[in-house]
Amino acid sequence: MKIYFDFDRTIFDTHLFYRTFWRKAEQIYKVDSDNAMSYAKEYYYPHQSGLEWYDFHKHATSYGLDTQGVNAVLESMKGLSFIYTDVSASLRYAASKYPVEILTFGDEEHQKLKLSFESQLAPYTFHIVQQHKKEYLAELTHHSVLIDDKDLADQLPGSTIFIRIDREAHTPLVMHSSEYYTINTLFGLKNIF
């Protein structure tokens, strides 16, 4: 058995990352950060997997940031971390029970860029896939656990236990079945395994 943690919005605060990027761009280049954030949805495009793909560079370019400008903003963010406060301890706990890997969908270059801010994730294998996670997990020859912010319970193969992280939920743990749970913090994993 292996435990797969989703990256964006599960262990990495993607919203905070982009908000920080646009606020820094506003400080350096006078970009209207609130406007840029409000139009982010305009830069999601259909992907062949049936999922949507965020084109970060096209979004930045539309606000006048060329590669040099994007790099300057990113450089000003070095040293910041965007993982949630429950991540490091929860990854260590999970890894004491089963092998842990990180599974994410998206543009490989962009996912690696976000990962570059998180040196504490270096010990974990990082899979960037271009297919739906259900397809990736169905190809595995071992049982797995997937922890993800999206509700994928009805889409996963029978060999996968699904744990949904809903950071806005009021109830710390809900057991829907022996193979489907909802938690509101990764610390809730201790109540499952």
N, C-alpha and C. Protein backbone atom coordinates (compact mmCIF):
# COMPACT_ATOMS: atom_id res chain seq x y z
N MET A 1 0.86 -1.18 0.00
CA MET A 1 0.00 0.00 0.00
C MET A 1 0.90 1.24 0.00
N LYS A 2 0.47 2.24 -0.75
CA LYS A 2 1.13 3.55 -0.77
C LYS A 2 0.09 4.63 -0.52
N ILE A 3 0.54 5.72 0.07
CA ILE A 3 -0.32 6.87 0.30
C ILE A 3 0.09 7.96 -0.67
N TYR A 4 -0.87 8.45 -1.44
CA TYR A 4 -0.63 9.53 -2.39
C TYR A 4 -1.33 10.79 -1.89
N PHE A 5 -0.55 11.84 -1.72
CA PHE A 5 -1.10 13.14 -1.35
C PHE A 5 -1.19 13.99 -2.61
N ASP A 6 -2.34 14.57 -2.85
CA ASP A 6 -2.48 15.58 -3.89
C ASP A 6 -1.62 16.78 -3.48
N PHE A 7 -1.20 17.59 -4.42
CA PHE A 7 -0.34 18.73 -4.13
C PHE A 7 -1.15 20.01 -3.91
N ASP A 8 -1.76 20.54 -4.97
CA ASP A 8 -2.46 21.82 -4.89
C ASP A 8 -3.70 21.74 -4.00
N ARG A 9 -3.78 22.64 -3.03
CA ARG A 9 -4.89 22.78 -2.10
C ARG A 9 -5.03 21.63 -1.12
N THR A 10 -4.13 20.67 -1.18
CA THR A 10 -4.10 19.59 -0.20
C THR A 10 -2.91 19.79 0.72
N ILE A 11 -1.72 19.90 0.12
CA ILE A 11 -0.53 20.20 0.95
C ILE A 11 0.05 21.58 0.63
N PHE A 12 -0.24 22.09 -0.55
CA PHE A 12 0.30 23.38 -0.99
C PHE A 12 -0.85 24.38 -1.09
N ASP A 13 -0.72 25.51 -0.41
CA ASP A 13 -1.76 26.54 -0.43
C ASP A 13 -1.62 27.35 -1.72
N THR A 14 -2.22 26.83 -2.75
CA THR A 14 -2.11 27.39 -4.10
C THR A 14 -2.65 28.81 -4.15
N HIS A 15 -3.75 29.07 -3.48
CA HIS A 15 -4.31 30.42 -3.46
C HIS A 15 -3.33 31.41 -2.84
N LEU A 16 -2.71 31.04 -1.74
CA LEU A 16 -1.73 31.91 -1.09
C LEU A 16 -0.53 32.16 -2.01
N PHE A 17 -0.08 31.13 -2.72
CA PHE A 17 1.03 31.28 -3.65
C PHE A 17 0.72 32.33 -4.71
N TYR A 18 -0.46 32.20 -5.36
CA TYR A 18 -0.81 33.15 -6.41
C TYR A 18 -1.10 34.53 -5.85
N ARG A 19 -1.74 34.62 -4.73
CA ARG A 19 -1.99 35.92 -4.11
C ARG A 19 -0.67 36.62 -3.78
N THR A 20 0.28 35.86 -3.26
CA THR A 20 1.60 36.42 -2.96
C THR A 20 2.29 36.87 -4.24
N PHE A 21 2.22 36.04 -5.29
CA PHE A 21 2.84 36.41 -6.56
C PHE A 21 2.28 37.74 -7.06
N TRP A 22 0.95 37.88 -7.09
CA TRP A 22 0.35 39.09 -7.65
C TRP A 22 0.58 40.31 -6.75
N ARG A 23 0.63 40.11 -5.45
CA ARG A 23 0.92 41.24 -4.55
C ARG A 23 2.36 41.72 -4.74
N LYS A 24 3.27 40.77 -4.92
CA LYS A 24 4.67 41.15 -5.19
C LYS A 24 4.78 41.84 -6.56
N ALA A 25 4.02 41.35 -7.54
CA ALA A 25 4.02 41.98 -8.87
C ALA A 25 3.48 43.40 -8.77
N GLU A 26 2.52 43.62 -7.89
CA GLU A 26 1.98 44.96 -7.68
C GLU A 26 3.03 45.87 -7.07
N GLN A 27 3.80 45.36 -6.11
CA GLN A 27 4.85 46.16 -5.47
C GLN A 27 5.96 46.51 -6.45
N ILE A 28 6.34 45.54 -7.27
CA ILE A 28 7.49 45.74 -8.17
C ILE A 28 7.09 46.44 -9.47
N TYR A 29 5.95 46.03 -10.07
CA TYR A 29 5.58 46.50 -11.40
C TYR A 29 4.26 47.26 -11.45
N LYS A 30 3.66 47.51 -10.31
CA LYS A 30 2.38 48.27 -10.23
C LYS A 30 1.23 47.56 -10.92
N VAL A 31 1.28 46.22 -10.94
CA VAL A 31 0.18 45.42 -11.47
C VAL A 31 -0.96 45.44 -10.46
N ASP A 32 -2.18 45.56 -10.91
CA ASP A 32 -3.34 45.54 -10.03
C ASP A 32 -3.57 44.09 -9.59
N SER A 33 -3.12 43.74 -8.39
CA SER A 33 -3.16 42.35 -7.92
C SER A 33 -4.59 41.84 -7.74
N ASP A 34 -5.47 42.67 -7.23
CA ASP A 34 -6.86 42.23 -7.04
C ASP A 34 -7.52 41.92 -8.38
N ASN A 35 -7.26 42.76 -9.36
CA ASN A 35 -7.80 42.53 -10.70
C ASN A 35 -7.22 41.25 -11.30
N ALA A 36 -5.92 41.07 -11.17
CA ALA A 36 -5.27 39.87 -11.71
C ALA A 36 -5.84 38.61 -11.08
N MET A 37 -6.03 38.62 -9.77
CA MET A 37 -6.58 37.45 -9.08
C MET A 37 -8.04 37.20 -9.51
N SER A 38 -8.78 38.26 -9.70
CA SER A 38 -10.19 38.09 -10.05
C SER A 38 -10.37 37.50 -11.45
N TYR A 39 -9.37 37.66 -12.32
CA TYR A 39 -9.47 37.14 -13.69
C TYR A 39 -8.71 35.82 -13.89
N ALA A 40 -8.24 35.20 -12.82
CA ALA A 40 -7.47 33.96 -12.94
C ALA A 40 -8.27 32.86 -13.66
N LYS A 41 -9.55 32.76 -13.40
CA LYS A 41 -10.38 31.71 -14.02
C LYS A 41 -10.38 31.81 -15.55
N GLU A 42 -10.11 33.01 -16.07
CA GLU A 42 -10.08 33.20 -17.52
C GLU A 42 -8.91 32.46 -18.18
N TYR A 43 -7.96 32.00 -17.37
CA TYR A 43 -6.75 31.37 -17.90
C TYR A 43 -6.71 29.88 -17.63
N TYR A 44 -7.87 29.29 -17.38
CA TYR A 44 -8.01 27.84 -17.27
C TYR A 44 -8.55 27.34 -18.61
N TYR A 45 -7.89 26.32 -19.13
CA TYR A 45 -8.25 25.80 -20.44
C TYR A 45 -8.51 24.30 -20.36
N PRO A 46 -9.41 23.79 -21.21
CA PRO A 46 -9.66 22.35 -21.21
C PRO A 46 -8.40 21.58 -21.59
N HIS A 47 -8.16 20.49 -20.91
CA HIS A 47 -7.03 19.61 -21.20
C HIS A 47 -7.59 18.32 -21.77
N GLN A 48 -6.81 17.59 -22.53
CA GLN A 48 -7.27 16.34 -23.15
C GLN A 48 -7.73 15.32 -22.12
N SER A 49 -7.33 15.46 -20.87
CA SER A 49 -7.73 14.53 -19.81
C SER A 49 -9.17 14.77 -19.37
N GLY A 50 -9.76 15.89 -19.82
CA GLY A 50 -11.08 16.27 -19.37
C GLY A 50 -11.03 17.24 -18.20
N LEU A 51 -9.85 17.48 -17.68
CA LEU A 51 -9.66 18.43 -16.58
C LEU A 51 -9.26 19.78 -17.15
N GLU A 52 -9.18 20.78 -16.29
CA GLU A 52 -8.75 22.11 -16.74
C GLU A 52 -7.30 22.33 -16.38
N TRP A 53 -6.65 23.18 -17.17
CA TRP A 53 -5.22 23.46 -17.08
C TRP A 53 -5.05 24.96 -16.93
N TYR A 54 -4.37 25.39 -15.89
CA TYR A 54 -4.15 26.81 -15.66
C TYR A 54 -2.88 27.24 -16.39
N ASP A 55 -2.99 28.26 -17.23
CA ASP A 55 -1.83 28.78 -17.96
C ASP A 55 -1.31 30.02 -17.24
N PHE A 56 -0.44 29.76 -16.27
CA PHE A 56 0.12 30.81 -15.43
C PHE A 56 0.88 31.85 -16.27
N HIS A 57 1.69 31.37 -17.21
CA HIS A 57 2.51 32.31 -17.99
C HIS A 57 1.67 33.19 -18.90
N LYS A 58 0.61 32.65 -19.47
CA LYS A 58 -0.28 33.46 -20.30
C LYS A 58 -0.97 34.51 -19.43
N HIS A 59 -1.37 34.13 -18.22
CA HIS A 59 -2.00 35.06 -17.30
C HIS A 59 -1.02 36.19 -16.96
N ALA A 60 0.21 35.84 -16.62
CA ALA A 60 1.21 36.85 -16.27
C ALA A 60 1.51 37.76 -17.46
N THR A 61 1.62 37.19 -18.64
CA THR A 61 1.90 37.97 -19.85
C THR A 61 0.77 38.96 -20.13
N SER A 62 -0.45 38.55 -19.87
CA SER A 62 -1.58 39.44 -20.13
C SER A 62 -1.57 40.68 -19.24
N TYR A 63 -0.81 40.62 -18.16
CA TYR A 63 -0.66 41.77 -17.27
C TYR A 63 0.69 42.46 -17.46
N GLY A 64 1.33 42.18 -18.60
CA GLY A 64 2.55 42.90 -18.97
C GLY A 64 3.82 42.33 -18.39
N LEU A 65 3.76 41.15 -17.78
CA LEU A 65 4.97 40.56 -17.22
C LEU A 65 5.59 39.60 -18.22
N ASP A 66 6.79 39.92 -18.68
CA ASP A 66 7.50 39.00 -19.55
C ASP A 66 8.24 37.99 -18.66
N THR A 67 9.00 37.11 -19.27
CA THR A 67 9.73 36.08 -18.51
C THR A 67 10.62 36.70 -17.46
N GLN A 68 11.32 37.77 -17.81
CA GLN A 68 12.19 38.45 -16.86
C GLN A 68 11.39 39.02 -15.69
N GLY A 69 10.24 39.58 -15.96
CA GLY A 69 9.38 40.13 -14.91
C GLY A 69 8.85 39.05 -13.99
N VAL A 70 8.39 37.94 -14.58
CA VAL A 70 7.90 36.81 -13.77
C VAL A 70 9.02 36.30 -12.88
N ASN A 71 10.21 36.14 -13.46
CA ASN A 71 11.35 35.65 -12.68
C ASN A 71 11.73 36.59 -11.55
N ALA A 72 11.63 37.90 -11.79
CA ALA A 72 11.94 38.88 -10.74
C ALA A 72 10.94 38.76 -9.58
N VAL A 73 9.68 38.59 -9.92
CA VAL A 73 8.67 38.44 -8.88
C VAL A 73 8.91 37.15 -8.10
N LEU A 74 9.15 36.06 -8.82
CA LEU A 74 9.41 34.78 -8.16
C LEU A 74 10.65 34.85 -7.27
N GLU A 75 11.67 35.53 -7.74
CA GLU A 75 12.89 35.68 -6.94
C GLU A 75 12.59 36.42 -5.64
N SER A 76 11.70 37.40 -5.70
CA SER A 76 11.35 38.15 -4.49
C SER A 76 10.57 37.29 -3.49
N MET A 77 10.07 36.15 -3.95
CA MET A 77 9.31 35.24 -3.09
C MET A 77 10.18 34.14 -2.48
N LYS A 78 11.42 34.03 -2.91
CA LYS A 78 12.31 32.97 -2.40
C LYS A 78 12.39 33.05 -0.89
N GLY A 79 12.40 31.88 -0.28
CA GLY A 79 12.46 31.80 1.18
C GLY A 79 11.08 31.68 1.81
N LEU A 80 10.03 31.94 1.04
CA LEU A 80 8.67 31.79 1.56
C LEU A 80 8.21 30.34 1.37
N SER A 81 7.33 29.89 2.23
CA SER A 81 6.77 28.56 2.11
C SER A 81 5.25 28.68 1.97
N PHE A 82 4.69 27.79 1.19
CA PHE A 82 3.26 27.85 0.93
C PHE A 82 2.54 26.55 1.31
N ILE A 83 3.20 25.70 2.07
CA ILE A 83 2.50 24.50 2.51
C ILE A 83 1.70 24.84 3.77
N TYR A 84 0.61 24.13 3.95
CA TYR A 84 -0.23 24.33 5.13
C TYR A 84 0.53 23.89 6.38
N THR A 85 0.15 24.44 7.52
CA THR A 85 0.87 24.19 8.77
C THR A 85 0.78 22.74 9.24
N ASP A 86 -0.21 21.99 8.78
CA ASP A 86 -0.34 20.60 9.21
C ASP A 86 0.41 19.61 8.33
N VAL A 87 1.08 20.09 7.31
CA VAL A 87 1.65 19.20 6.29
C VAL A 87 2.89 18.43 6.77
N SER A 88 3.90 19.11 7.25
CA SER A 88 5.16 18.43 7.58
C SER A 88 4.96 17.29 8.57
N ALA A 89 4.28 17.57 9.67
CA ALA A 89 4.06 16.54 10.69
C ALA A 89 3.18 15.41 10.14
N SER A 90 2.18 15.76 9.34
CA SER A 90 1.27 14.76 8.79
C SER A 90 1.95 13.87 7.76
N LEU A 91 2.82 14.44 6.94
CA LEU A 91 3.58 13.62 5.99
C LEU A 91 4.49 12.66 6.73
N ARG A 92 5.16 13.15 7.77
CA ARG A 92 6.04 12.27 8.56
C ARG A 92 5.23 11.15 9.21
N TYR A 93 4.07 11.50 9.77
CA TYR A 93 3.22 10.49 10.39
C TYR A 93 2.80 9.44 9.35
N ALA A 94 2.28 9.88 8.23
CA ALA A 94 1.83 8.94 7.20
C ALA A 94 2.99 8.07 6.71
N ALA A 95 4.17 8.68 6.55
CA ALA A 95 5.34 7.94 6.07
C ALA A 95 5.81 6.90 7.09
N SER A 96 5.46 7.09 8.36
CA SER A 96 5.81 6.08 9.37
C SER A 96 4.90 4.86 9.25
N LYS A 97 3.80 4.97 8.52
CA LYS A 97 2.85 3.87 8.35
C LYS A 97 3.01 3.17 7.00
N TYR A 98 3.15 3.97 5.94
CA TYR A 98 3.22 3.45 4.57
C TYR A 98 4.12 4.37 3.75
N PRO A 99 4.61 3.91 2.60
CA PRO A 99 5.34 4.81 1.71
C PRO A 99 4.43 5.96 1.26
N VAL A 100 4.99 7.15 1.20
CA VAL A 100 4.23 8.36 0.84
C VAL A 100 4.80 8.96 -0.43
N GLU A 101 3.91 9.34 -1.35
CA GLU A 101 4.30 10.02 -2.57
C GLU A 101 3.32 11.15 -2.82
N ILE A 102 3.73 12.11 -3.62
CA ILE A 102 2.89 13.26 -3.97
C ILE A 102 2.46 13.09 -5.43
N LEU A 103 1.16 13.25 -5.66
CA LEU A 103 0.58 13.03 -6.98
C LEU A 103 -0.17 14.29 -7.39
N THR A 104 0.20 14.84 -8.53
CA THR A 104 -0.44 16.08 -8.98
C THR A 104 -0.65 16.07 -10.49
N PHE A 105 -1.68 16.76 -10.91
CA PHE A 105 -1.98 16.94 -12.32
C PHE A 105 -1.61 18.37 -12.69
N GLY A 106 -1.00 18.55 -13.85
CA GLY A 106 -0.75 19.91 -14.32
C GLY A 106 0.48 20.00 -15.20
N ASP A 107 0.74 21.23 -15.61
CA ASP A 107 1.91 21.53 -16.44
C ASP A 107 3.16 21.22 -15.63
N GLU A 108 4.01 20.36 -16.15
CA GLU A 108 5.18 19.90 -15.40
C GLU A 108 6.09 21.04 -14.96
N GLU A 109 6.38 21.95 -15.86
CA GLU A 109 7.27 23.08 -15.53
C GLU A 109 6.67 23.93 -14.39
N HIS A 110 5.38 24.19 -14.48
CA HIS A 110 4.74 25.03 -13.47
C HIS A 110 4.64 24.32 -12.12
N GLN A 111 4.33 23.02 -12.13
CA GLN A 111 4.26 22.27 -10.88
C GLN A 111 5.64 22.22 -10.22
N LYS A 112 6.68 22.04 -11.01
CA LYS A 112 8.05 22.02 -10.45
C LYS A 112 8.43 23.40 -9.90
N LEU A 113 7.95 24.44 -10.54
CA LEU A 113 8.20 25.80 -10.03
C LEU A 113 7.63 25.94 -8.62
N LYS A 114 6.37 25.55 -8.44
CA LYS A 114 5.75 25.65 -7.11
C LYS A 114 6.47 24.76 -6.11
N LEU A 115 6.83 23.56 -6.53
CA LEU A 115 7.54 22.63 -5.65
C LEU A 115 8.89 23.19 -5.22
N SER A 116 9.51 24.01 -6.06
CA SER A 116 10.84 24.56 -5.75
C SER A 116 10.84 25.43 -4.49
N PHE A 117 9.67 25.88 -4.07
CA PHE A 117 9.57 26.69 -2.85
C PHE A 117 9.54 25.82 -1.58
N GLU A 118 9.41 24.52 -1.75
CA GLU A 118 9.16 23.63 -0.62
C GLU A 118 10.24 22.58 -0.45
N SER A 119 11.40 22.97 0.06
CA SER A 119 12.51 22.03 0.23
C SER A 119 12.17 20.89 1.18
N GLN A 120 11.25 21.12 2.12
CA GLN A 120 10.89 20.06 3.07
C GLN A 120 10.13 18.91 2.40
N LEU A 121 9.71 19.09 1.15
CA LEU A 121 9.04 18.02 0.41
C LEU A 121 10.03 17.18 -0.40
N ALA A 122 11.30 17.56 -0.39
CA ALA A 122 12.33 16.87 -1.18
C ALA A 122 12.41 15.36 -0.92
N PRO A 123 12.19 14.88 0.31
CA PRO A 123 12.30 13.43 0.53
C PRO A 123 11.22 12.59 -0.16
N TYR A 124 10.19 13.23 -0.66
CA TYR A 124 9.05 12.49 -1.21
C TYR A 124 9.08 12.46 -2.73
N THR A 125 8.73 11.32 -3.29
CA THR A 125 8.62 11.19 -4.74
C THR A 125 7.44 12.04 -5.20
N PHE A 126 7.66 12.79 -6.27
CA PHE A 126 6.68 13.74 -6.78
C PHE A 126 6.29 13.30 -8.19
N HIS A 127 5.03 12.90 -8.37
CA HIS A 127 4.53 12.48 -9.69
C HIS A 127 3.68 13.59 -10.27
N ILE A 128 4.07 14.06 -11.45
CA ILE A 128 3.26 15.04 -12.18
C ILE A 128 2.65 14.30 -13.36
N VAL A 129 1.34 14.18 -13.34
CA VAL A 129 0.67 13.38 -14.37
C VAL A 129 -0.12 14.26 -15.32
N GLN A 130 -0.32 13.75 -16.51
CA GLN A 130 -1.07 14.46 -17.54
C GLN A 130 -2.38 13.73 -17.81
N GLN A 131 -2.77 12.87 -16.91
CA GLN A 131 -4.02 12.12 -17.02
C GLN A 131 -4.79 12.29 -15.72
N HIS A 132 -6.04 11.92 -15.75
CA HIS A 132 -6.85 12.00 -14.54
C HIS A 132 -6.26 11.04 -13.50
N LYS A 133 -6.30 11.43 -12.24
CA LYS A 133 -5.73 10.59 -11.18
C LYS A 133 -6.38 9.22 -11.12
N LYS A 134 -7.66 9.13 -11.47
CA LYS A 134 -8.33 7.82 -11.45
C LYS A 134 -7.66 6.87 -12.43
N GLU A 135 -7.21 7.38 -13.57
CA GLU A 135 -6.54 6.55 -14.56
C GLU A 135 -5.15 6.14 -14.07
N TYR A 136 -4.45 7.09 -13.47
CA TYR A 136 -3.13 6.79 -12.93
C TYR A 136 -3.23 5.70 -11.85
N LEU A 137 -4.16 5.87 -10.91
CA LEU A 137 -4.32 4.92 -9.81
C LEU A 137 -4.80 3.55 -10.30
N ALA A 138 -5.61 3.53 -11.34
CA ALA A 138 -6.10 2.26 -11.89
C ALA A 138 -4.97 1.43 -12.49
N GLU A 139 -3.91 2.09 -12.92
CA GLU A 139 -2.77 1.38 -13.52
C GLU A 139 -1.84 0.77 -12.48
N LEU A 140 -1.99 1.13 -11.23
CA LEU A 140 -1.10 0.63 -10.18
C LEU A 140 -1.40 -0.83 -9.88
N THR A 141 -0.38 -1.55 -9.45
CA THR A 141 -0.56 -2.96 -9.10
C THR A 141 -0.69 -3.15 -7.59
N HIS A 142 -0.71 -2.06 -6.84
CA HIS A 142 -0.84 -2.15 -5.38
C HIS A 142 -2.04 -1.33 -4.91
N HIS A 143 -2.48 -1.62 -3.71
CA HIS A 143 -3.54 -0.82 -3.10
C HIS A 143 -2.98 0.55 -2.75
N SER A 144 -3.87 1.53 -2.70
CA SER A 144 -3.41 2.89 -2.43
C SER A 144 -4.42 3.67 -1.62
N VAL A 145 -3.93 4.77 -1.07
CA VAL A 145 -4.77 5.76 -0.40
C VAL A 145 -4.53 7.07 -1.15
N LEU A 146 -5.58 7.78 -1.51
CA LEU A 146 -5.45 9.09 -2.13
C LEU A 146 -6.06 10.12 -1.21
N ILE A 147 -5.30 11.16 -0.90
CA ILE A 147 -5.79 12.29 -0.12
C ILE A 147 -5.82 13.48 -1.06
N ASP A 148 -7.01 14.04 -1.28
CA ASP A 148 -7.20 15.07 -2.30
C ASP A 148 -8.28 16.03 -1.85
N ASP A 149 -8.21 17.28 -2.32
CA ASP A 149 -9.24 18.26 -1.98
C ASP A 149 -10.48 18.13 -2.86
N LYS A 150 -10.37 17.48 -3.99
CA LYS A 150 -11.53 17.30 -4.88
C LYS A 150 -12.27 16.03 -4.47
N ASP A 151 -13.57 16.03 -4.61
CA ASP A 151 -14.35 14.85 -4.26
C ASP A 151 -14.30 13.86 -5.42
N LEU A 152 -13.39 12.91 -5.32
CA LEU A 152 -13.17 11.93 -6.37
C LEU A 152 -13.66 10.53 -5.97
N ALA A 153 -14.35 10.42 -4.85
CA ALA A 153 -14.70 9.13 -4.28
C ALA A 153 -15.37 8.19 -5.27
N ASP A 154 -16.31 8.67 -6.06
CA ASP A 154 -17.04 7.81 -6.99
C ASP A 154 -16.27 7.52 -8.28
N GLN A 155 -15.09 8.11 -8.43
CA GLN A 155 -14.35 7.97 -9.67
C GLN A 155 -13.14 7.04 -9.55
N LEU A 156 -12.77 6.67 -8.34
CA LEU A 156 -11.52 5.94 -8.12
C LEU A 156 -11.70 4.44 -8.19
N PRO A 157 -10.62 3.71 -8.55
CA PRO A 157 -10.72 2.25 -8.59
C PRO A 157 -10.96 1.68 -7.18
N GLY A 158 -11.51 0.47 -7.13
CA GLY A 158 -11.82 -0.18 -5.86
C GLY A 158 -10.61 -0.44 -4.99
N SER A 159 -9.43 -0.41 -5.57
CA SER A 159 -8.20 -0.66 -4.80
C SER A 159 -7.69 0.59 -4.08
N THR A 160 -8.45 1.69 -4.18
CA THR A 160 -8.02 2.97 -3.60
C THR A 160 -8.97 3.40 -2.48
N ILE A 161 -8.41 3.67 -1.32
CA ILE A 161 -9.14 4.30 -0.23
C ILE A 161 -9.03 5.80 -0.47
N PHE A 162 -10.16 6.51 -0.38
CA PHE A 162 -10.15 7.94 -0.65
C PHE A 162 -10.39 8.74 0.62
N ILE A 163 -9.53 9.74 0.84
CA ILE A 163 -9.69 10.67 1.95
C ILE A 163 -9.75 12.07 1.36
N ARG A 164 -10.89 12.70 1.52
CA ARG A 164 -11.04 14.07 1.01
C ARG A 164 -10.68 15.05 2.12
N ILE A 165 -9.83 16.01 1.79
CA ILE A 165 -9.51 17.09 2.73
C ILE A 165 -10.37 18.29 2.35
N ASP A 166 -11.20 18.70 3.28
CA ASP A 166 -12.05 19.87 3.09
C ASP A 166 -11.72 20.82 4.23
N ARG A 167 -10.81 21.73 3.99
CA ARG A 167 -10.28 22.60 5.04
C ARG A 167 -11.33 23.58 5.59
N GLU A 168 -12.48 23.67 4.95
CA GLU A 168 -13.55 24.55 5.44
C GLU A 168 -14.64 23.78 6.18
N ALA A 169 -14.53 22.46 6.25
CA ALA A 169 -15.54 21.66 6.94
C ALA A 169 -15.48 21.92 8.44
N HIS A 170 -16.63 21.84 9.08
CA HIS A 170 -16.69 22.07 10.53
C HIS A 170 -16.47 20.80 11.32
N THR A 171 -16.72 19.65 10.72
CA THR A 171 -16.55 18.37 11.39
C THR A 171 -15.16 17.83 11.08
N PRO A 172 -14.37 17.47 12.11
CA PRO A 172 -13.00 17.05 11.86
C PRO A 172 -12.86 15.74 11.07
N LEU A 173 -13.82 14.80 11.23
CA LEU A 173 -13.73 13.53 10.52
C LEU A 173 -15.13 13.02 10.24
N VAL A 174 -15.35 12.63 8.99
CA VAL A 174 -16.61 11.98 8.62
C VAL A 174 -16.24 10.70 7.89
N MET A 175 -16.77 9.59 8.36
CA MET A 175 -16.54 8.31 7.69
C MET A 175 -17.77 8.01 6.85
N HIS A 176 -17.62 8.09 5.54
CA HIS A 176 -18.73 7.80 4.64
C HIS A 176 -18.88 6.30 4.43
N SER A 177 -17.73 5.62 4.39
CA SER A 177 -17.66 4.16 4.29
C SER A 177 -16.25 3.77 4.71
N SER A 178 -15.94 2.50 4.70
CA SER A 178 -14.59 2.07 5.10
C SER A 178 -13.54 2.47 4.07
N GLU A 179 -13.98 3.01 2.93
CA GLU A 179 -13.05 3.41 1.88
C GLU A 179 -13.19 4.87 1.47
N TYR A 180 -13.94 5.65 2.27
CA TYR A 180 -14.15 7.06 1.93
C TYR A 180 -14.36 7.87 3.20
N TYR A 181 -13.45 8.83 3.42
CA TYR A 181 -13.47 9.69 4.59
C TYR A 181 -13.37 11.14 4.16
N THR A 182 -13.83 12.05 5.02
CA THR A 182 -13.58 13.47 4.84
C THR A 182 -12.95 13.98 6.14
N ILE A 183 -11.86 14.73 6.00
CA ILE A 183 -11.20 15.35 7.14
C ILE A 183 -11.06 16.84 6.86
N ASN A 184 -10.92 17.65 7.92
CA ASN A 184 -10.76 19.09 7.71
C ASN A 184 -9.34 19.56 7.99
N THR A 185 -8.49 18.66 8.40
CA THR A 185 -7.07 18.94 8.59
C THR A 185 -6.32 17.63 8.40
N LEU A 186 -5.11 17.69 7.93
CA LEU A 186 -4.34 16.46 7.73
C LEU A 186 -4.04 15.76 9.05
N PHE A 187 -4.12 16.48 10.16
CA PHE A 187 -3.94 15.83 11.46
C PHE A 187 -4.99 14.74 11.67
N GLY A 188 -6.12 14.83 10.95
CA GLY A 188 -7.17 13.84 11.04
C GLY A 188 -6.76 12.45 10.55
N LEU A 189 -5.63 12.37 9.84
CA LEU A 189 -5.16 11.07 9.36
C LEU A 189 -4.90 10.11 10.52
N LYS A 190 -4.51 10.65 11.69
CA LYS A 190 -4.23 9.80 12.84
C LYS A 190 -5.48 9.05 13.31
N ASN A 191 -6.65 9.53 12.95
CA ASN A 191 -7.89 8.85 13.31
C ASN A 191 -8.30 7.80 12.29
N ILE A 192 -7.55 7.71 11.20
CA ILE A 192 -7.89 6.76 10.13
C ILE A 192 -6.90 5.60 10.09
N PHE A 193 -5.61 5.91 10.16
CA PHE A 193 -4.59 4.85 10.18
C PHE A 193 -3.44 5.22 11.08
